[in-house]
Amino acid sequence: MLRGFTTINYWADDPQVAARWYAELLDTEPYFVRPEEGPPAYVEFRIGDYQHELGIIDRRYAPEGAASGPGGVVMYWAVDDVHASYERLLSLGATVHQEPIERGPGFITASVIDPFGNVLGIMYNQHYLDVLGSQAGA
């Protein structure tokens, strides 16, 4: 039934400011912005090995009752170096959610709260690299 991750959306009171922050973090510009003129209501980046989508949505479009602060779900992005990525996120203004933790051989996680109140997880995951490597040879 679930075939894989496609898009994660983060809320922001000011999507334009959030888009600039994520553009600096990701070292890429969004590929999709709506509306095309004026302040954006939705901005989307494609990033990583599988070109996953990270969307920023104006918080005024959040469903009624949506949490306005960090929630209970953490989506982890694969990174090569959790400690370096974690420190970079903090240097850009994110705050600590959970410091780096070794979860077992080949698995390290950490998470931060971005400046817009969203949980951003990062993970070194050997399984991710194994799957990626097996697909490269296919």
Protein backbone atom coordinates (compact mmCIF):
# COMPACT_ATOMS: atom_id res chain seq x y z
CA MET A 1 0.00 0.00 0.00
CA LEU A 2 2.67 2.57 0.97
CA ARG A 3 5.20 2.79 -1.83
CA GLY A 4 7.60 5.35 -0.48
CA PHE A 5 8.07 8.88 0.65
CA THR A 6 6.99 11.54 -1.84
CA THR A 7 6.52 14.92 -0.14
CA ILE A 8 6.83 16.33 3.34
CA ASN A 9 5.21 19.68 4.07
CA TYR A 10 6.28 22.09 6.78
CA TRP A 11 4.17 25.04 7.94
CA ALA A 12 5.48 28.59 8.18
CA ASP A 13 3.89 31.90 9.07
CA ASP A 14 6.03 33.46 6.35
CA PRO A 15 6.76 30.94 3.56
CA GLN A 16 9.03 33.41 1.79
CA VAL A 17 11.35 33.67 4.80
CA ALA A 18 11.19 29.90 5.31
CA ALA A 19 12.01 29.32 1.63
CA ARG A 20 15.11 31.51 1.93
CA TRP A 21 16.23 29.61 5.06
CA TYR A 22 15.77 26.22 3.40
CA ALA A 23 17.43 27.44 0.18
CA GLU A 24 20.51 28.34 2.24
CA LEU A 25 20.41 25.05 4.13
CA LEU A 26 19.94 22.94 0.99
CA ASP A 27 22.12 25.07 -1.31
CA THR A 28 19.38 25.07 -3.93
CA GLU A 29 16.44 27.21 -4.92
CA PRO A 30 12.84 25.98 -4.90
CA TYR A 31 11.67 24.59 -8.21
CA PHE A 32 7.98 25.32 -7.62
CA VAL A 33 6.33 28.42 -6.13
CA ARG A 34 2.62 29.30 -5.99
CA PRO A 35 1.33 31.79 -6.69
CA GLU A 36 4.00 32.74 -9.18
CA GLU A 37 3.55 36.47 -8.44
CA GLY A 38 3.41 38.04 -4.99
CA PRO A 39 4.05 36.41 -1.63
CA PRO A 40 4.15 32.61 -1.91
CA ALA A 41 1.58 30.38 -0.24
CA TYR A 42 3.48 27.20 -1.22
CA VAL A 43 7.13 26.63 -2.07
CA GLU A 44 8.66 23.27 -2.96
CA PHE A 45 12.20 21.92 -3.21
CA ARG A 46 13.40 18.64 -4.76
CA ILE A 47 16.36 17.27 -2.90
CA GLY A 48 18.50 14.24 -2.29
CA ASP A 49 19.22 10.95 -3.99
CA TYR A 50 15.58 10.32 -4.87
CA GLN A 51 14.55 13.94 -5.51
CA HIS A 52 12.12 13.88 -2.58
CA GLU A 53 9.93 16.92 -2.19
CA LEU A 54 10.05 19.34 0.72
CA GLY A 55 7.17 21.79 0.70
CA ILE A 56 6.67 24.94 2.75
CA ILE A 57 3.01 25.94 3.19
CA ASP A 58 1.60 29.15 4.60
CA ARG A 59 0.34 28.22 8.08
CA ARG A 60 -3.01 29.91 7.41
CA TYR A 61 -3.87 26.91 5.20
CA ALA A 62 -3.24 24.39 7.99
CA PRO A 63 -6.21 22.14 8.80
CA GLU A 64 -8.31 23.21 11.76
CA GLY A 65 -6.77 21.89 14.97
CA ALA A 66 -3.30 21.41 13.46
CA ALA A 67 -0.49 21.75 15.98
CA SER A 68 1.12 25.16 15.92
CA GLY A 69 4.36 23.85 17.44
CA PRO A 70 6.51 20.75 17.09
CA GLY A 71 4.42 17.59 16.84
CA GLY A 72 5.03 13.96 17.68
CA VAL A 73 6.15 12.83 14.22
CA VAL A 74 9.78 12.99 13.13
CA MET A 75 10.65 12.44 9.47
CA TYR A 76 14.37 11.74 9.11
CA TRP A 77 16.42 12.92 6.14
CA ALA A 78 19.46 10.83 5.26
CA VAL A 79 22.78 12.61 5.82
CA ASP A 80 26.38 11.47 5.55
CA ASP A 81 27.46 13.00 8.86
CA VAL A 82 24.84 13.53 11.57
CA HIS A 83 27.11 15.53 13.87
CA ALA A 84 28.24 17.97 11.14
CA SER A 85 24.69 18.33 9.77
CA TYR A 86 23.30 18.88 13.27
CA GLU A 87 25.87 21.60 14.00
CA ARG A 88 25.14 23.31 10.67
CA LEU A 89 21.40 23.32 11.39
CA LEU A 90 22.05 24.88 14.80
CA SER A 91 24.37 27.49 13.26
CA LEU A 92 21.57 28.50 10.88
CA GLY A 93 19.17 29.15 13.75
CA ALA A 94 17.50 25.79 14.37
CA THR A 95 17.16 24.72 18.01
CA VAL A 96 17.76 21.38 19.69
CA HIS A 97 14.95 18.84 19.59
CA GLN A 98 17.08 15.76 20.24
CA GLU A 99 20.86 15.62 20.25
CA PRO A 100 22.65 12.98 18.15
CA ILE A 101 22.08 9.44 19.44
CA GLU A 102 23.58 6.18 18.19
CA ARG A 103 20.61 3.83 17.79
CA GLY A 104 22.73 0.82 16.85
CA PRO A 105 25.55 -0.03 14.46
CA GLY A 106 25.11 2.11 11.34
CA PHE A 107 22.21 4.18 12.70
CA ILE A 108 22.56 7.65 14.24
CA THR A 109 19.69 10.14 14.59
CA ALA A 110 19.22 13.73 15.71
CA SER A 111 16.50 16.32 15.28
CA VAL A 112 16.07 20.07 15.49
CA ILE A 113 13.24 22.56 15.43
CA ASP A 114 13.57 24.79 12.39
CA PRO A 115 13.07 28.54 12.93
CA PHE A 116 9.42 28.08 11.86
CA GLY A 117 8.47 25.51 14.51
CA ASN A 118 8.79 22.27 12.50
CA VAL A 119 10.70 19.16 13.57
CA LEU A 120 13.51 18.33 11.12
CA GLY A 121 15.10 14.92 11.66
CA ILE A 122 18.45 13.80 10.29
CA MET A 123 19.85 10.27 10.22
CA TYR A 124 22.87 8.32 9.15
CA ASN A 125 21.35 5.03 8.06
CA GLN A 126 23.53 2.27 6.61
CA HIS A 127 20.44 0.50 5.22
CA TYR A 128 19.62 3.62 3.17
CA LEU A 129 23.12 3.57 1.69
CA ASP A 130 22.91 -0.20 1.00
CA VAL A 131 19.61 0.22 -0.88
CA LEU A 132 20.95 3.20 -2.80
CA GLY A 133 24.08 1.25 -3.73
CA SER A 134 22.11 -1.80 -4.86
CA GLN A 135 19.98 0.33 -7.16
CA ALA A 136 23.03 1.97 -8.72
CA GLY A 137 24.23 -1.42 -9.93
CA ALA A 138 20.80 -2.54 -11.23
